[in-house]
């Protein structure tokens, strides 16, 4: 791992922009990140409609890097990365105990 958190955020944003081949108003990656796996959902909005896009395979590595950088500071297993066409973005992290319990029960 050699990227800074800002470089990782930029890579996620570039991946979103590359995956959506039309104009869009707002795009979101919803991520559930576990110990050795992840689940991603990519959605974007266009003229009030919600559409889906395929999240790049590299997203797993990016979110794992974020988790490693943040280890000890914040415990999270859900993240929401929101991007606007202007490049403005936000990322929200959340701990979901029910999700953690479900993953542990199925291991």
C-alpha atoms as a PDB file:
ATOM      1  CA  UNK A   1       0.000   0.000   0.000  1.00  0.00           C
ATOM      2  CA  UNK A   2       1.555   3.258  -1.086  1.00  0.00           C
ATOM      3  CA  UNK A   3      -1.421   5.460  -1.946  1.00  0.00           C
ATOM      4  CA  UNK A   4      -2.690   8.197   0.318  1.00  0.00           C
ATOM      5  CA  UNK A   5      -6.348   8.260   1.289  1.00  0.00           C
ATOM      6  CA  UNK A   6      -6.900  11.152  -1.149  1.00  0.00           C
ATOM      7  CA  UNK A   7      -5.328   9.159  -4.002  1.00  0.00           C
ATOM      8  CA  UNK A   8      -7.589   6.215  -3.198  1.00  0.00           C
ATOM      9  CA  UNK A   9     -10.672   8.449  -3.196  1.00  0.00           C
ATOM     10  CA  UNK A  10      -9.591   9.818  -6.580  1.00  0.00           C
ATOM     11  CA  UNK A  11      -9.239   6.271  -7.982  1.00  0.00           C
ATOM     12  CA  UNK A  12     -12.733   5.380  -6.773  1.00  0.00           C
ATOM     13  CA  UNK A  13     -14.133   8.542  -8.388  1.00  0.00           C
ATOM     14  CA  UNK A  14     -12.303   7.815 -11.650  1.00  0.00           C
ATOM     15  CA  UNK A  15     -13.676   4.270 -11.631  1.00  0.00           C
ATOM     16  CA  UNK A  16     -17.211   5.597 -11.265  1.00  0.00           C
ATOM     17  CA  UNK A  17     -16.749   8.112 -14.086  1.00  0.00           C
ATOM     18  CA  UNK A  18     -15.321   5.367 -16.314  1.00  0.00           C
ATOM     19  CA  UNK A  19     -18.176   2.962 -15.559  1.00  0.00           C
ATOM     20  CA  UNK A  20     -21.007   5.367 -16.401  1.00  0.00           C
ATOM     21  CA  UNK A  21     -21.097   5.974 -20.145  1.00  0.00           C
ATOM     22  CA  UNK A  22     -23.809   8.641 -20.166  1.00  0.00           C
ATOM     23  CA  UNK A  23     -24.365  11.923 -18.385  1.00  0.00           C
ATOM     24  CA  UNK A  24     -25.438  11.665 -14.748  1.00  0.00           C
ATOM     25  CA  UNK A  25     -26.456  13.889 -11.851  1.00  0.00           C
ATOM     26  CA  UNK A  26     -25.076  11.887  -8.911  1.00  0.00           C
ATOM     27  CA  UNK A  27     -23.452   8.486  -8.490  1.00  0.00           C
ATOM     28  CA  UNK A  28     -23.140   6.305  -5.406  1.00  0.00           C
ATOM     29  CA  UNK A  29     -21.206   3.185  -4.491  1.00  0.00           C
ATOM     30  CA  UNK A  30     -22.692   1.391  -1.508  1.00  0.00           C
ATOM     31  CA  UNK A  31     -20.123  -1.000  -0.065  1.00  0.00           C
ATOM     32  CA  UNK A  32     -20.288  -3.742   2.522  1.00  0.00           C
ATOM     33  CA  UNK A  33     -16.714  -4.676   3.409  1.00  0.00           C
ATOM     34  CA  UNK A  34     -15.915  -7.826   5.382  1.00  0.00           C
ATOM     35  CA  UNK A  35     -12.637  -9.417   6.456  1.00  0.00           C
ATOM     36  CA  UNK A  36     -11.911 -11.072   3.122  1.00  0.00           C
ATOM     37  CA  UNK A  37     -14.797 -10.109   0.859  1.00  0.00           C
ATOM     38  CA  UNK A  38     -17.037  -7.231  -0.112  1.00  0.00           C
ATOM     39  CA  UNK A  39     -20.343  -6.478  -1.761  1.00  0.00           C
ATOM     40  CA  UNK A  40     -20.815  -3.401  -3.953  1.00  0.00           C
ATOM     41  CA  UNK A  41     -23.846  -1.712  -5.448  1.00  0.00           C
ATOM     42  CA  UNK A  42     -23.411   1.135  -7.920  1.00  0.00           C
ATOM     43  CA  UNK A  43     -26.300   3.481  -8.673  1.00  0.00           C
ATOM     44  CA  UNK A  44     -26.555   6.801 -10.448  1.00  0.00           C
ATOM     45  CA  UNK A  45     -29.257   9.339 -10.988  1.00  0.00           C
ATOM     46  CA  UNK A  46     -30.206  10.901 -14.291  1.00  0.00           C
ATOM     47  CA  UNK A  47     -33.237  13.161 -14.723  1.00  0.00           C
ATOM     48  CA  UNK A  48     -34.828  11.808 -11.551  1.00  0.00           C
ATOM     49  CA  UNK A  49     -34.360   8.161 -12.531  1.00  0.00           C
ATOM     50  CA  UNK A  50     -32.179   5.718 -10.602  1.00  0.00           C
ATOM     51  CA  UNK A  51     -30.009   3.509 -12.786  1.00  0.00           C
ATOM     52  CA  UNK A  52     -27.301   0.967 -12.014  1.00  0.00           C
ATOM     53  CA  UNK A  53     -23.662   0.702 -13.034  1.00  0.00           C
ATOM     54  CA  UNK A  54     -21.111  -2.046 -12.586  1.00  0.00           C
ATOM     55  CA  UNK A  55     -18.554  -1.256  -9.908  1.00  0.00           C
ATOM     56  CA  UNK A  56     -14.968  -1.934 -10.995  1.00  0.00           C
ATOM     57  CA  UNK A  57     -13.243  -4.995  -9.559  1.00  0.00           C
ATOM     58  CA  UNK A  58     -10.485  -2.682  -8.264  1.00  0.00           C
ATOM     59  CA  UNK A  59     -12.996  -1.131  -5.847  1.00  0.00           C
ATOM     60  CA  UNK A  60     -12.428  -4.056  -3.475  1.00  0.00           C
ATOM     61  CA  UNK A  61      -8.722  -3.221  -3.239  1.00  0.00           C
ATOM     62  CA  UNK A  62      -9.439   0.480  -2.746  1.00  0.00           C
ATOM     63  CA  UNK A  63     -11.883  -0.079   0.101  1.00  0.00           C
ATOM     64  CA  UNK A  64      -9.519  -2.597   1.697  1.00  0.00           C
ATOM     65  CA  UNK A  65      -6.755   0.035   1.561  1.00  0.00           C
ATOM     66  CA  UNK A  66      -9.055   2.585   3.189  1.00  0.00           C
ATOM     67  CA  UNK A  67      -9.857   0.063   5.918  1.00  0.00           C
ATOM     68  CA  UNK A  68      -6.150  -0.572   6.487  1.00  0.00           C
ATOM     69  CA  UNK A  69      -5.335   3.153   6.640  1.00  0.00           C
ATOM     70  CA  UNK A  70      -8.188   3.747   9.087  1.00  0.00           C
ATOM     71  CA  UNK A  71      -7.558   0.650  11.232  1.00  0.00           C
ATOM     72  CA  UNK A  72      -7.710   1.514  14.895  1.00  0.00           C
ATOM     73  CA  UNK A  73      -9.345   4.877  14.217  1.00  0.00           C
ATOM     74  CA  UNK A  74     -12.782   3.926  12.957  1.00  0.00           C
ATOM     75  CA  UNK A  75     -14.508   0.569  12.895  1.00  0.00           C
ATOM     76  CA  UNK A  76     -16.804   0.276   9.870  1.00  0.00           C
ATOM     77  CA  UNK A  77     -18.236  -2.371   7.593  1.00  0.00           C
ATOM     78  CA  UNK A  78     -20.459  -0.194   5.379  1.00  0.00           C
ATOM     79  CA  UNK A  79     -19.384   2.766   3.280  1.00  0.00           C
ATOM     80  CA  UNK A  80     -21.255   5.076   0.937  1.00  0.00           C
ATOM     81  CA  UNK A  81     -19.174   6.966  -1.639  1.00  0.00           C
ATOM     82  CA  UNK A  82     -21.195   9.715  -3.339  1.00  0.00           C
ATOM     83  CA  UNK A  83     -19.815  11.560  -6.373  1.00  0.00           C
ATOM     84  CA  UNK A  84     -21.124  14.511  -8.371  1.00  0.00           C
ATOM     85  CA  UNK A  85     -20.059  15.214 -11.976  1.00  0.00           C
ATOM     86  CA  UNK A  86     -18.175  18.285 -10.707  1.00  0.00           C
ATOM     87  CA  UNK A  87     -15.812  15.972  -8.811  1.00  0.00           C
ATOM     88  CA  UNK A  88     -17.218  16.851  -5.403  1.00  0.00           C
ATOM     89  CA  UNK A  89     -17.635  13.740  -3.306  1.00  0.00           C
ATOM     90  CA  UNK A  90     -18.457  12.542   0.174  1.00  0.00           C
ATOM     91  CA  UNK A  91     -17.858   9.250   1.900  1.00  0.00           C
ATOM     92  CA  UNK A  92     -19.754   8.030   4.919  1.00  0.00           C
ATOM     93  CA  UNK A  93     -18.706   5.092   7.071  1.00  0.00           C
ATOM     94  CA  UNK A  94     -21.003   3.076   9.317  1.00  0.00           C
ATOM     95  CA  UNK A  95     -20.733   0.095  11.640  1.00  0.00           C
ATOM     96  CA  UNK A  96     -23.623  -2.346  11.171  1.00  0.00           C
ATOM     97  CA  UNK A  97     -23.594  -4.890  14.001  1.00  0.00           C
ATOM     98  CA  UNK A  98     -26.370  -6.974  12.434  1.00  0.00           C
ATOM     99  CA  UNK A  99     -24.292  -7.320   9.249  1.00  0.00           C
ATOM    100  CA  UNK A 100     -21.251  -8.340  11.295  1.00  0.00           C
ATOM    101  CA  UNK A 101     -23.311 -10.909  13.222  1.00  0.00           C
ATOM    102  CA  UNK A 102     -24.720 -12.331   9.965  1.00  0.00           C
ATOM    103  CA  UNK A 103     -21.245 -12.691   8.426  1.00  0.00           C
ATOM    104  CA  UNK A 104     -19.871 -14.391  11.544  1.00  0.00           C
ATOM    105  CA  UNK A 105     -22.847 -16.785  11.697  1.00  0.00           C
ATOM    106  CA  UNK A 106     -22.232 -17.882   8.091  1.00  0.00           C
ATOM    107  CA  UNK A 107     -18.490 -18.494   8.385  1.00  0.00           C
END
